Protein backbone atom coordinates (compact mmCIF):
# COMPACT_ATOMS: atom_id res chain seq x y z
CA MET A 1 21.36 -37.83 47.15
CA GLY A 2 21.09 -39.86 43.74
CA LYS A 3 23.55 -41.70 42.18
CA LYS A 4 26.24 -39.38 39.87
CA GLU A 5 25.79 -40.01 36.26
CA ARG A 6 29.07 -39.97 34.05
CA LEU A 7 29.15 -39.43 30.60
CA ARG A 8 32.03 -41.48 29.05
CA PRO A 9 33.63 -40.61 25.02
CA LEU A 10 31.20 -41.93 22.35
CA LYS A 11 32.90 -45.08 20.80
CA PRO A 12 32.72 -45.52 16.85
CA CYS A 13 31.16 -48.93 15.23
CA ASP A 14 33.77 -51.45 14.71
CA ASN A 15 31.51 -52.62 11.79
CA CYS A 16 30.14 -49.06 9.78
CA GLY A 17 31.67 -46.25 11.86
CA ALA A 18 28.60 -44.92 13.64
CA GLU A 19 28.58 -43.40 16.94
CA ALA A 20 26.06 -44.31 19.59
CA ASP A 21 25.41 -44.14 23.05
CA VAL A 22 24.17 -47.42 23.48
CA GLN A 23 26.43 -50.27 21.36
CA TYR A 24 26.58 -54.04 21.81
CA ARG A 25 29.55 -56.61 22.25
CA ILE A 26 29.04 -59.23 19.48
CA ASN A 27 31.02 -62.10 18.05
CA SER A 28 30.12 -64.33 14.94
CA ASN A 29 31.74 -67.00 12.83
CA LYS A 30 33.44 -64.35 10.40
CA SER A 31 35.35 -62.83 13.40
CA GLU A 32 37.36 -64.39 15.72
CA SER A 33 37.76 -61.37 17.96
CA TRP A 34 34.91 -59.60 19.87
CA GLN A 35 33.10 -56.21 18.01
CA ILE A 36 31.05 -53.36 19.64
CA VAL A 37 28.74 -52.48 17.23
CA CYS A 38 25.70 -49.71 16.92
CA LYS A 39 21.88 -51.45 17.12
CA ALA A 40 21.44 -51.99 13.13
CA CYS A 41 24.81 -53.91 12.54
CA GLN A 42 24.00 -55.73 15.52
CA GLU A 43 20.02 -57.07 14.08
CA LYS A 44 22.23 -57.98 10.72
CA ALA A 45 24.83 -59.86 12.85
CA LYS A 46 21.85 -61.89 14.37
CA MET A 47 20.54 -63.35 11.34
CA LEU A 48 24.07 -64.86 10.95
CA THR A 49 25.27 -68.30 12.32
CA GLY A 50 27.37 -68.37 15.28
CA TYR A 51 26.25 -65.00 16.84
CA ILE A 52 26.94 -64.36 20.38
CA TYR A 53 25.79 -61.81 22.46
CA GLY A 54 28.80 -60.35 24.95
CA GLY A 55 26.96 -57.46 26.83
CA THR A 56 25.99 -53.84 26.24
CA TRP A 57 27.82 -50.47 26.42
CA LYS A 58 26.20 -47.60 27.43
CA ARG A 59 27.80 -43.81 27.20
CA LYS A 60 25.69 -42.92 30.70
CA LYS A 61 26.87 -44.70 33.38
CA ARG A 62 25.07 -44.41 36.95
CA ASN A 63 28.17 -44.23 39.53
C-alpha cells in the first residue's frame, strides 16, 4: 500500500493573483510579512536585496 495523495484547494499568488500547484513562501525588504507567491514572482523577488526563501507550498500532498 502506497501513501494516499491529497489535493488541497488552489491558492492565489499574493503578488499577481495567479493560481499554481506549487508556490513559494518568501520575504523581502519591501514587505514585513511572509508572502505566498508563484514561480514567476519568486524569480523577480530573488533579485531584490533582503530576499528570504521560507519554503515550498504544494497542492498535492502525500499522506
